[in-house]
N, C-alpha and C. Protein backbone atom coordinates (compact mmCIF):
# COMPACT_ATOMS: atom_id res chain seq x y z
N MET A 1 10.24 -64.05 24.75
CA MET A 1 11.27 -63.03 24.70
C MET A 1 10.75 -61.76 25.37
N GLY A 2 11.58 -61.25 26.21
CA GLY A 2 11.20 -60.05 26.92
C GLY A 2 11.94 -58.83 26.38
N PRO A 3 11.75 -57.71 27.02
CA PRO A 3 12.39 -56.48 26.56
C PRO A 3 13.92 -56.52 26.68
N GLU A 4 14.47 -57.47 27.47
CA GLU A 4 15.91 -57.53 27.61
C GLU A 4 16.61 -57.94 26.31
N TYR A 5 15.87 -58.56 25.39
CA TYR A 5 16.45 -58.95 24.11
C TYR A 5 16.44 -57.81 23.08
N PHE A 6 15.84 -56.70 23.42
CA PHE A 6 15.77 -55.55 22.51
C PHE A 6 17.17 -55.11 22.08
N TRP A 7 18.09 -54.96 23.02
CA TRP A 7 19.43 -54.46 22.71
C TRP A 7 20.30 -55.52 22.04
N TRP A 8 20.07 -56.78 22.30
CA TRP A 8 20.92 -57.82 21.72
C TRP A 8 20.45 -58.24 20.35
N GLY A 9 19.31 -57.79 19.93
CA GLY A 9 18.80 -58.16 18.63
C GLY A 9 19.22 -57.20 17.53
N GLY A 10 20.12 -56.32 17.79
CA GLY A 10 20.59 -55.38 16.78
C GLY A 10 19.94 -54.03 16.85
N MET A 11 19.03 -53.83 17.76
CA MET A 11 18.33 -52.54 17.85
C MET A 11 19.20 -51.47 18.50
N TRP A 12 20.34 -51.82 19.02
CA TRP A 12 21.25 -50.84 19.62
C TRP A 12 21.87 -49.94 18.55
N ILE A 13 21.85 -50.37 17.29
CA ILE A 13 22.49 -49.61 16.23
C ILE A 13 21.73 -48.31 15.91
N PHE A 14 20.41 -48.28 16.06
CA PHE A 14 19.63 -47.09 15.74
C PHE A 14 19.93 -45.91 16.66
N PRO A 15 19.98 -46.10 17.97
CA PRO A 15 20.39 -44.96 18.81
C PRO A 15 21.82 -44.49 18.49
N LEU A 16 22.70 -45.41 18.15
CA LEU A 16 24.07 -45.04 17.79
C LEU A 16 24.10 -44.21 16.51
N ILE A 17 23.31 -44.61 15.53
CA ILE A 17 23.22 -43.85 14.28
C ILE A 17 22.65 -42.46 14.54
N MET A 18 21.65 -42.35 15.38
CA MET A 18 21.06 -41.04 15.70
C MET A 18 22.06 -40.12 16.39
N ILE A 19 22.88 -40.68 17.29
CA ILE A 19 23.89 -39.87 17.96
C ILE A 19 24.91 -39.36 16.95
N VAL A 20 25.34 -40.20 16.02
CA VAL A 20 26.30 -39.79 14.99
C VAL A 20 25.70 -38.71 14.10
N VAL A 21 24.45 -38.88 13.70
CA VAL A 21 23.80 -37.89 12.84
C VAL A 21 23.66 -36.55 13.58
N MET A 22 23.29 -36.58 14.84
CA MET A 22 23.15 -35.34 15.60
C MET A 22 24.50 -34.65 15.77
N LEU A 23 25.56 -35.39 16.01
CA LEU A 23 26.89 -34.79 16.12
C LEU A 23 27.32 -34.18 14.79
N LEU A 24 27.00 -34.83 13.68
CA LEU A 24 27.32 -34.30 12.37
C LEU A 24 26.59 -32.98 12.10
N VAL A 25 25.32 -32.92 12.45
CA VAL A 25 24.54 -31.70 12.26
C VAL A 25 25.10 -30.56 13.13
N VAL A 26 25.42 -30.85 14.36
CA VAL A 26 25.99 -29.83 15.24
C VAL A 26 27.31 -29.33 14.68
N TYR A 27 28.14 -30.23 14.16
CA TYR A 27 29.42 -29.80 13.57
C TYR A 27 29.19 -28.93 12.34
N LEU A 28 28.27 -29.32 11.46
CA LEU A 28 28.04 -28.56 10.25
C LEU A 28 27.55 -27.14 10.54
N ILE A 29 26.81 -26.96 11.61
CA ILE A 29 26.27 -25.65 11.93
C ILE A 29 27.24 -24.83 12.77
N PHE A 30 27.84 -25.43 13.80
CA PHE A 30 28.64 -24.66 14.75
C PHE A 30 30.13 -24.96 14.71
N GLY A 31 30.55 -26.03 14.10
CA GLY A 31 31.93 -26.50 14.22
C GLY A 31 32.94 -25.75 13.39
N ARG A 32 32.53 -24.83 12.56
CA ARG A 32 33.47 -24.14 11.69
C ARG A 32 33.83 -22.76 12.20
N GLY A 33 33.60 -22.48 13.46
CA GLY A 33 34.03 -21.23 14.06
C GLY A 33 32.96 -20.16 14.12
N VAL A 34 32.05 -20.13 13.16
CA VAL A 34 30.98 -19.14 13.16
C VAL A 34 29.68 -19.84 12.82
N PHE A 35 28.58 -19.24 13.20
CA PHE A 35 27.28 -19.81 12.87
C PHE A 35 26.92 -19.43 11.45
N ARG A 36 26.78 -20.40 10.58
CA ARG A 36 26.28 -20.20 9.23
C ARG A 36 25.73 -21.53 8.72
N PRO A 37 24.75 -21.50 7.87
CA PRO A 37 24.18 -22.74 7.35
C PRO A 37 25.23 -23.53 6.57
N PRO A 38 25.09 -24.86 6.47
CA PRO A 38 26.09 -25.68 5.80
C PRO A 38 26.35 -25.31 4.35
N GLY A 39 25.38 -24.80 3.61
CA GLY A 39 25.58 -24.45 2.21
C GLY A 39 26.12 -23.06 1.98
N TRP A 40 26.45 -22.34 3.02
CA TRP A 40 26.88 -20.94 2.92
C TRP A 40 28.37 -20.90 2.62
N HIS A 41 28.75 -20.39 1.42
CA HIS A 41 30.15 -20.38 1.01
C HIS A 41 30.66 -18.96 0.76
N PHE A 42 30.05 -17.96 1.34
CA PHE A 42 30.45 -16.59 1.12
C PHE A 42 31.71 -16.31 1.92
N ASP A 43 32.74 -15.83 1.26
CA ASP A 43 33.99 -15.55 1.93
C ASP A 43 34.11 -14.05 2.17
N GLU A 44 34.12 -13.65 3.41
CA GLU A 44 34.16 -12.24 3.78
C GLU A 44 35.44 -11.58 3.29
N ARG A 45 36.56 -12.30 3.30
CA ARG A 45 37.83 -11.72 2.85
C ARG A 45 37.80 -11.41 1.37
N THR A 46 37.19 -12.27 0.55
CA THR A 46 37.11 -12.04 -0.89
C THR A 46 36.29 -10.80 -1.18
N ARG A 47 35.16 -10.63 -0.51
CA ARG A 47 34.32 -9.46 -0.73
C ARG A 47 35.07 -8.19 -0.34
N HIS A 48 35.78 -8.23 0.77
CA HIS A 48 36.52 -7.06 1.21
C HIS A 48 37.61 -6.70 0.21
N ARG A 49 38.31 -7.69 -0.31
CA ARG A 49 39.38 -7.43 -1.28
C ARG A 49 38.81 -6.81 -2.55
N GLU A 50 37.68 -7.32 -3.03
CA GLU A 50 37.08 -6.79 -4.23
C GLU A 50 36.58 -5.36 -4.02
N ASP A 51 36.04 -5.08 -2.84
CA ASP A 51 35.53 -3.74 -2.56
C ASP A 51 36.65 -2.72 -2.41
N SER A 52 37.81 -3.14 -1.91
CA SER A 52 38.88 -2.19 -1.62
C SER A 52 39.87 -2.06 -2.77
N GLU A 53 39.64 -2.72 -3.88
CA GLU A 53 40.55 -2.63 -5.02
C GLU A 53 40.39 -1.27 -5.70
N THR A 54 41.51 -0.60 -5.92
CA THR A 54 41.48 0.71 -6.56
C THR A 54 41.37 0.55 -8.07
N PRO A 55 40.93 1.59 -8.77
CA PRO A 55 40.85 1.51 -10.23
C PRO A 55 42.20 1.21 -10.88
N LEU A 56 43.29 1.75 -10.30
CA LEU A 56 44.61 1.50 -10.87
C LEU A 56 45.01 0.03 -10.71
N GLU A 57 44.65 -0.58 -9.58
CA GLU A 57 44.94 -2.00 -9.38
C GLU A 57 44.15 -2.86 -10.36
N ILE A 58 42.91 -2.48 -10.60
CA ILE A 58 42.09 -3.21 -11.58
C ILE A 58 42.70 -3.09 -12.96
N LEU A 59 43.15 -1.89 -13.31
CA LEU A 59 43.77 -1.67 -14.61
C LEU A 59 45.05 -2.49 -14.75
N LYS A 60 45.87 -2.52 -13.71
CA LYS A 60 47.10 -3.31 -13.75
C LYS A 60 46.80 -4.80 -13.91
N ARG A 61 45.77 -5.26 -13.23
CA ARG A 61 45.39 -6.67 -13.34
C ARG A 61 44.91 -6.98 -14.76
N ARG A 62 44.12 -6.10 -15.34
CA ARG A 62 43.64 -6.30 -16.71
C ARG A 62 44.78 -6.27 -17.71
N TYR A 63 45.77 -5.39 -17.47
CA TYR A 63 46.93 -5.32 -18.35
C TYR A 63 47.76 -6.60 -18.24
N ALA A 64 47.91 -7.11 -17.03
CA ALA A 64 48.67 -8.34 -16.82
C ALA A 64 47.99 -9.53 -17.49
N LYS A 65 46.66 -9.53 -17.53
CA LYS A 65 45.92 -10.61 -18.20
C LYS A 65 45.95 -10.47 -19.71
N GLY A 66 46.33 -9.28 -20.19
CA GLY A 66 46.36 -9.06 -21.63
C GLY A 66 45.05 -8.54 -22.19
N GLU A 67 44.18 -8.06 -21.33
CA GLU A 67 42.89 -7.55 -21.78
C GLU A 67 43.01 -6.17 -22.42
N VAL A 68 44.04 -5.40 -22.05
CA VAL A 68 44.26 -4.08 -22.64
C VAL A 68 45.69 -4.02 -23.17
N SER A 69 45.88 -3.25 -24.24
CA SER A 69 47.23 -3.10 -24.81
C SER A 69 48.01 -2.07 -24.00
N LYS A 70 49.30 -1.95 -24.32
CA LYS A 70 50.15 -0.99 -23.61
C LYS A 70 49.68 0.44 -23.82
N GLU A 71 49.27 0.75 -25.04
CA GLU A 71 48.79 2.10 -25.33
C GLU A 71 47.52 2.41 -24.54
N GLU A 72 46.60 1.46 -24.54
CA GLU A 72 45.36 1.65 -23.77
C GLU A 72 45.68 1.79 -22.28
N PHE A 73 46.62 0.96 -21.80
CA PHE A 73 47.01 1.01 -20.39
C PHE A 73 47.52 2.40 -20.03
N GLU A 74 48.44 2.93 -20.83
CA GLU A 74 49.01 4.25 -20.55
C GLU A 74 47.94 5.35 -20.61
N ARG A 75 47.05 5.28 -21.61
CA ARG A 75 46.00 6.28 -21.75
C ARG A 75 45.05 6.26 -20.55
N ILE A 76 44.60 5.05 -20.17
CA ILE A 76 43.66 4.93 -19.04
C ILE A 76 44.35 5.31 -17.74
N LYS A 77 45.62 4.93 -17.58
CA LYS A 77 46.35 5.27 -16.36
C LYS A 77 46.47 6.79 -16.22
N ASN A 78 46.75 7.47 -17.32
CA ASN A 78 46.83 8.94 -17.27
C ASN A 78 45.48 9.55 -16.93
N ASP A 79 44.40 8.97 -17.45
CA ASP A 79 43.06 9.45 -17.11
C ASP A 79 42.76 9.26 -15.62
N ILE A 80 43.16 8.12 -15.09
CA ILE A 80 42.88 7.81 -13.68
C ILE A 80 43.67 8.75 -12.77
N LEU A 81 44.94 8.95 -13.09
CA LEU A 81 45.81 9.73 -12.21
C LEU A 81 45.60 11.23 -12.31
N SER A 82 44.92 11.68 -13.37
CA SER A 82 44.70 13.13 -13.50
C SER A 82 43.35 13.56 -12.97
């Protein structure tokens, strides 16, 4: 048996697997629009929304969740606005 039997003996599958793995790695790093590692899940929009939230918006959200009563809401709102 010579080297011509290398590809017909099933050894062609390893280069194919390597090409698929390399394409997967390239997609994970560059295929999502920006360069970031595959485990990076930081959302820039979420951080911006949290940073730009005003105290009154936070108070309204807490009141809607039921964390503060109506009296507390009115008292804190008056403190914020004055």
